[in-house]
Amino acid sequence: MAPPGTGGGDGGGDGDGGVGVAVPCLRSVNSRELSEVVFNNRSPRSVLPIWVDFEGRPRSYPVLRPRTGRVMYSYRGHLWLFRDAGTNDGLLVNRQELFIAAPDVSKADITLPVFTLKERCLQVVRSLVRPVDYRKLDIVRSLCEELEDRPDVEKDLQRLSLERSETLGNGTLE
């Protein structure tokens, strides 16, 4: 598969959310240092690889079928997320939520996280009940709201950006 775009922005920009407060933004580094990596789907689910581009926007790549792999040509500093292609639930890669390509990392093992019982129940209900029928269920309103709050890549990128900026702000690195 061809490498993700090597052109594009320089990853710059002030990250200003338009309110005068800097909003952190995860984005891939525009690097020319090749990183060949094997994406191994070790899960029973179809996986959607998502490259985070130089502007911090998610870019979907072809789905990986369960228990398959694919050689990807990426670049040092490119960021990848992996989602369940059917439910959009976040998956883990090398036991992390975010994969950062590097020349010395040759594999990305994609696995299911350990979902809480509540998370798993929400997944099952979402698979069985149409969204328009959530409010008809005989459950508390807060659970209906959680059902309606479906997994979202953009939301996860914002959360990961904030977590990373707080970690760096506290002077601790991963």
C-alpha atoms as a PDB file:
ATOM      1  CA  MET A   1       0.000   0.000   0.000  1.00  0.00           C
ATOM      2  CA  ALA A   2       1.268   3.478  -0.792  1.00  0.00           C
ATOM      3  CA  PRO A   3       2.569   5.586   2.076  1.00  0.00           C
ATOM      4  CA  PRO A   4       0.281   8.179   3.615  1.00  0.00           C
ATOM      5  CA  GLY A   5       0.795  11.606   2.076  1.00  0.00           C
ATOM      6  CA  THR A   6       4.247  13.002   2.423  1.00  0.00           C
ATOM      7  CA  GLY A   7       3.232  16.453   1.286  1.00  0.00           C
ATOM      8  CA  GLY A   8       0.767  18.724   2.965  1.00  0.00           C
ATOM      9  CA  GLY A   9       1.088  21.086   5.853  1.00  0.00           C
ATOM     10  CA  ASP A  10       4.057  21.372   8.096  1.00  0.00           C
ATOM     11  CA  GLY A  11       2.049  20.358  11.119  1.00  0.00           C
ATOM     12  CA  GLY A  12       2.075  24.018  12.122  1.00  0.00           C
ATOM     13  CA  GLY A  13      -0.823  26.176  13.093  1.00  0.00           C
ATOM     14  CA  ASP A  14      -1.623  27.597  16.456  1.00  0.00           C
ATOM     15  CA  GLY A  15      -4.313  25.092  17.405  1.00  0.00           C
ATOM     16  CA  ASP A  16      -6.570  28.034  18.330  1.00  0.00           C
ATOM     17  CA  GLY A  17     -10.117  26.820  18.761  1.00  0.00           C
ATOM     18  CA  GLY A  18     -11.446  30.278  17.869  1.00  0.00           C
ATOM     19  CA  VAL A  19     -12.139  31.270  21.486  1.00  0.00           C
ATOM     20  CA  GLY A  20      -8.676  32.557  22.323  1.00  0.00           C
ATOM     21  CA  VAL A  21      -7.756  29.369  24.179  1.00  0.00           C
ATOM     22  CA  ALA A  22      -5.190  27.067  22.625  1.00  0.00           C
ATOM     23  CA  VAL A  23      -6.680  23.660  21.925  1.00  0.00           C
ATOM     24  CA  PRO A  24      -4.071  20.897  21.709  1.00  0.00           C
ATOM     25  CA  CYS A  25      -4.134  18.891  18.515  1.00  0.00           C
ATOM     26  CA  LEU A  26      -2.549  15.540  17.834  1.00  0.00           C
ATOM     27  CA  ARG A  27      -1.153  15.373  14.312  1.00  0.00           C
ATOM     28  CA  SER A  28       1.362  13.388  12.337  1.00  0.00           C
ATOM     29  CA  VAL A  29       4.832  14.807  11.867  1.00  0.00           C
ATOM     30  CA  ASN A  30       5.740  15.545   8.238  1.00  0.00           C
ATOM     31  CA  SER A  31       8.782  13.266   8.132  1.00  0.00           C
ATOM     32  CA  ARG A  32      10.647  11.639   5.262  1.00  0.00           C
ATOM     33  CA  GLU A  33      12.066   8.808   7.407  1.00  0.00           C
ATOM     34  CA  LEU A  34      10.369   5.624   6.220  1.00  0.00           C
ATOM     35  CA  SER A  35       8.865   3.204   8.718  1.00  0.00           C
ATOM     36  CA  GLU A  36       7.739  -0.176   7.372  1.00  0.00           C
ATOM     37  CA  VAL A  37       5.322  -1.737   9.817  1.00  0.00           C
ATOM     38  CA  VAL A  38       3.008  -4.753   9.771  1.00  0.00           C
ATOM     39  CA  PHE A  39      -0.503  -4.023  11.039  1.00  0.00           C
ATOM     40  CA  ASN A  40      -1.571  -7.348  12.622  1.00  0.00           C
ATOM     41  CA  ASN A  41      -5.270  -7.629  13.389  1.00  0.00           C
ATOM     42  CA  ARG A  42      -5.183 -10.073  16.279  1.00  0.00           C
ATOM     43  CA  SER A  43      -8.850  -9.453  17.084  1.00  0.00           C
ATOM     44  CA  PRO A  44     -12.022 -11.245  15.952  1.00  0.00           C
ATOM     45  CA  ARG A  45     -13.357  -7.957  14.566  1.00  0.00           C
ATOM     46  CA  SER A  46     -12.865  -6.125  11.277  1.00  0.00           C
ATOM     47  CA  VAL A  47     -10.495  -3.233  11.940  1.00  0.00           C
ATOM     48  CA  LEU A  48     -10.441   0.235  10.387  1.00  0.00           C
ATOM     49  CA  PRO A  49      -6.916   1.749  10.459  1.00  0.00           C
ATOM     50  CA  ILE A  50      -7.021   5.541  10.794  1.00  0.00           C
ATOM     51  CA  TRP A  51      -4.054   7.755  10.012  1.00  0.00           C
ATOM     52  CA  VAL A  52      -4.076  11.152  11.753  1.00  0.00           C
ATOM     53  CA  ASP A  53      -2.913  13.578   9.062  1.00  0.00           C
ATOM     54  CA  PHE A  54      -0.667  16.653   9.338  1.00  0.00           C
ATOM     55  CA  GLU A  55      -3.637  18.833  10.296  1.00  0.00           C
ATOM     56  CA  GLY A  56      -4.935  16.392  12.926  1.00  0.00           C
ATOM     57  CA  ARG A  57      -7.767  15.034  10.753  1.00  0.00           C
ATOM     58  CA  PRO A  58      -8.526  11.294  10.741  1.00  0.00           C
ATOM     59  CA  ARG A  59      -8.007   9.530   7.387  1.00  0.00           C
ATOM     60  CA  SER A  60      -9.444   6.030   7.000  1.00  0.00           C
ATOM     61  CA  TYR A  61      -7.527   3.227   5.305  1.00  0.00           C
ATOM     62  CA  PRO A  62      -8.877  -0.096   3.954  1.00  0.00           C
ATOM     63  CA  VAL A  63     -10.359  -2.448   6.544  1.00  0.00           C
ATOM     64  CA  LEU A  64      -8.305  -5.329   7.927  1.00  0.00           C
ATOM     65  CA  ARG A  65     -10.311  -8.538   8.205  1.00  0.00           C
ATOM     66  CA  PRO A  66     -10.124 -10.459  11.500  1.00  0.00           C
ATOM     67  CA  ARG A  67      -6.836 -12.256  12.137  1.00  0.00           C
ATOM     68  CA  THR A  68      -5.094 -10.804   9.069  1.00  0.00           C
ATOM     69  CA  GLY A  69      -2.186  -8.440   8.568  1.00  0.00           C
ATOM     70  CA  ARG A  70      -0.914  -5.877   6.095  1.00  0.00           C
ATOM     71  CA  VAL A  71       2.461  -4.263   5.487  1.00  0.00           C
ATOM     72  CA  MET A  72       2.156  -0.479   5.706  1.00  0.00           C
ATOM     73  CA  TYR A  73       4.714   2.058   4.628  1.00  0.00           C
ATOM     74  CA  SER A  74       4.422   4.955   6.997  1.00  0.00           C
ATOM     75  CA  TYR A  75       6.876   7.561   8.283  1.00  0.00           C
ATOM     76  CA  ARG A  76       8.491   8.381  11.622  1.00  0.00           C
ATOM     77  CA  GLY A  77       6.068  10.365  13.747  1.00  0.00           C
ATOM     78  CA  HIS A  78       2.919   9.365  11.865  1.00  0.00           C
ATOM     79  CA  LEU A  79       0.017   8.670  14.214  1.00  0.00           C
ATOM     80  CA  TRP A  80      -2.455   5.809  13.814  1.00  0.00           C
ATOM     81  CA  LEU A  81      -5.651   4.800  15.609  1.00  0.00           C
ATOM     82  CA  PHE A  82      -7.568   1.582  15.093  1.00  0.00           C
ATOM     83  CA  ARG A  83     -11.347   1.182  15.307  1.00  0.00           C
ATOM     84  CA  ASP A  84     -13.848  -1.642  15.098  1.00  0.00           C
ATOM     85  CA  ALA A  85     -15.108  -1.193  11.517  1.00  0.00           C
ATOM     86  CA  GLY A  86     -18.662  -2.153  12.520  1.00  0.00           C
ATOM     87  CA  THR A  87     -19.162  -0.305  15.809  1.00  0.00           C
ATOM     88  CA  ASN A  88     -16.427   2.371  15.723  1.00  0.00           C
ATOM     89  CA  ASP A  89     -15.256   1.246  19.176  1.00  0.00           C
ATOM     90  CA  GLY A  90     -11.624   2.027  19.887  1.00  0.00           C
ATOM     91  CA  LEU A  91      -9.114  -0.813  19.781  1.00  0.00           C
ATOM     92  CA  LEU A  92      -5.611  -1.126  21.181  1.00  0.00           C
ATOM     93  CA  VAL A  93      -2.370  -1.267  19.234  1.00  0.00           C
ATOM     94  CA  ASN A  94       0.648  -2.671  21.065  1.00  0.00           C
ATOM     95  CA  ARG A  95      -1.476  -2.234  24.231  1.00  0.00           C
ATOM     96  CA  GLN A  96      -1.920   1.512  23.615  1.00  0.00           C
ATOM     97  CA  GLU A  97      -4.682   3.641  22.093  1.00  0.00           C
ATOM     98  CA  LEU A  98      -2.305   5.430  19.731  1.00  0.00           C
ATOM     99  CA  PHE A  99       0.440   4.053  17.481  1.00  0.00           C
ATOM    100  CA  ILE A 100       3.377   6.294  16.586  1.00  0.00           C
ATOM    101  CA  ALA A 101       5.350   5.024  13.599  1.00  0.00           C
ATOM    102  CA  ALA A 102       9.103   4.759  14.044  1.00  0.00           C
ATOM    103  CA  PRO A 103      11.832   3.023  12.007  1.00  0.00           C
ATOM    104  CA  ASP A 104      12.668   0.713  14.926  1.00  0.00           C
ATOM    105  CA  VAL A 105       9.046  -0.477  15.364  1.00  0.00           C
ATOM    106  CA  SER A 106       8.171  -3.165  12.831  1.00  0.00           C
ATOM    107  CA  LYS A 107       4.821  -4.425  14.094  1.00  0.00           C
ATOM    108  CA  ALA A 108       1.537  -3.036  15.315  1.00  0.00           C
ATOM    109  CA  ASP A 109      -0.513  -5.725  17.064  1.00  0.00           C
ATOM    110  CA  ILE A 110      -4.178  -4.698  17.141  1.00  0.00           C
ATOM    111  CA  THR A 111      -6.270  -6.208  19.937  1.00  0.00           C
ATOM    112  CA  LEU A 112      -9.525  -5.702  21.794  1.00  0.00           C
ATOM    113  CA  PRO A 113      -9.306  -3.702  25.004  1.00  0.00           C
ATOM    114  CA  VAL A 114     -10.827  -5.116  28.165  1.00  0.00           C
ATOM    115  CA  PHE A 115     -14.240  -3.471  28.081  1.00  0.00           C
ATOM    116  CA  THR A 116     -16.075  -2.821  31.329  1.00  0.00           C
ATOM    117  CA  LEU A 117     -19.319  -4.706  31.767  1.00  0.00           C
ATOM    118  CA  LYS A 118     -21.213  -1.451  31.208  1.00  0.00           C
ATOM    119  CA  GLU A 119     -19.301  -0.683  27.982  1.00  0.00           C
ATOM    120  CA  ARG A 120     -19.923  -4.183  26.663  1.00  0.00           C
ATOM    121  CA  CYS A 121     -23.634  -3.985  27.536  1.00  0.00           C
ATOM    122  CA  LEU A 122     -23.914  -0.650  25.698  1.00  0.00           C
ATOM    123  CA  GLN A 123     -22.254  -2.265  22.644  1.00  0.00           C
ATOM    124  CA  VAL A 124     -24.704  -5.159  22.687  1.00  0.00           C
ATOM    125  CA  VAL A 125     -27.764  -2.916  23.094  1.00  0.00           C
ATOM    126  CA  ARG A 126     -26.518  -0.684  20.245  1.00  0.00           C
ATOM    127  CA  SER A 127     -26.225  -3.770  18.042  1.00  0.00           C
ATOM    128  CA  LEU A 128     -29.763  -4.942  18.849  1.00  0.00           C
ATOM    129  CA  VAL A 129     -31.790  -1.722  19.117  1.00  0.00           C
ATOM    130  CA  ARG A 130     -32.179   1.045  16.544  1.00  0.00           C
ATOM    131  CA  PRO A 131     -31.068   4.484  17.811  1.00  0.00           C
ATOM    132  CA  VAL A 132     -34.580   5.906  17.350  1.00  0.00           C
ATOM    133  CA  ASP A 133     -35.832   3.280  19.813  1.00  0.00           C
ATOM    134  CA  TYR A 134     -33.341   3.933  22.646  1.00  0.00           C
ATOM    135  CA  ARG A 135     -35.773   6.255  24.463  1.00  0.00           C
ATOM    136  CA  LYS A 136     -38.489   3.600  24.278  1.00  0.00           C
ATOM    137  CA  LEU A 137     -36.437   1.206  26.403  1.00  0.00           C
ATOM    138  CA  ASP A 138     -37.426   0.849  30.047  1.00  0.00           C
ATOM    139  CA  ILE A 139     -34.085   2.139  31.360  1.00  0.00           C
ATOM    140  CA  VAL A 140     -32.933   5.273  33.172  1.00  0.00           C
ATOM    141  CA  ARG A 141     -32.410   8.399  31.070  1.00  0.00           C
ATOM    142  CA  SER A 142     -28.666   8.467  31.755  1.00  0.00           C
ATOM    143  CA  LEU A 143     -28.271   5.079  30.040  1.00  0.00           C
ATOM    144  CA  CYS A 144     -30.265   6.309  27.041  1.00  0.00           C
ATOM    145  CA  GLU A 145     -27.884   9.269  26.831  1.00  0.00           C
ATOM    146  CA  GLU A 146     -24.879   6.949  26.986  1.00  0.00           C
ATOM    147  CA  LEU A 147     -26.360   4.806  24.204  1.00  0.00           C
ATOM    148  CA  GLU A 148     -26.778   7.937  22.094  1.00  0.00           C
ATOM    149  CA  ASP A 149     -23.193   8.994  22.831  1.00  0.00           C
ATOM    150  CA  ARG A 150     -21.712   6.618  20.270  1.00  0.00           C
ATOM    151  CA  PRO A 151     -17.950   6.042  19.903  1.00  0.00           C
ATOM    152  CA  ASP A 152     -16.372   8.867  17.897  1.00  0.00           C
ATOM    153  CA  VAL A 153     -12.833   9.197  16.498  1.00  0.00           C
ATOM    154  CA  GLU A 154     -12.795  13.018  16.662  1.00  0.00           C
ATOM    155  CA  LYS A 155     -13.846  12.947  20.318  1.00  0.00           C
ATOM    156  CA  ASP A 156     -11.157  10.384  21.122  1.00  0.00           C
ATOM    157  CA  LEU A 157      -8.514  12.477  19.346  1.00  0.00           C
ATOM    158  CA  GLN A 158      -9.517  15.500  21.434  1.00  0.00           C
ATOM    159  CA  ARG A 159      -9.338  13.448  24.640  1.00  0.00           C
ATOM    160  CA  LEU A 160      -5.943  11.981  23.706  1.00  0.00           C
ATOM    161  CA  SER A 161      -4.650  15.469  22.829  1.00  0.00           C
ATOM    162  CA  LEU A 162      -5.747  16.833  26.202  1.00  0.00           C
ATOM    163  CA  GLU A 163      -4.268  13.852  28.062  1.00  0.00           C
ATOM    164  CA  ARG A 164      -0.951  14.263  26.239  1.00  0.00           C
ATOM    165  CA  SER A 165      -0.804  18.030  26.901  1.00  0.00           C
ATOM    166  CA  GLU A 166      -1.593  17.463  30.610  1.00  0.00           C
ATOM    167  CA  THR A 167       1.115  14.782  30.811  1.00  0.00           C
ATOM    168  CA  LEU A 168       3.644  17.112  29.184  1.00  0.00           C
ATOM    169  CA  GLY A 169       2.455  20.024  31.356  1.00  0.00           C
ATOM    170  CA  ASN A 170       3.086  17.967  34.495  1.00  0.00           C
ATOM    171  CA  GLY A 171       6.620  17.278  33.299  1.00  0.00           C
ATOM    172  CA  THR A 172       6.025  13.559  32.919  1.00  0.00           C
ATOM    173  CA  LEU A 173       6.652  11.701  29.743  1.00  0.00           C
ATOM    174  CA  GLU A 174       5.325   8.281  28.736  1.00  0.00           C
END
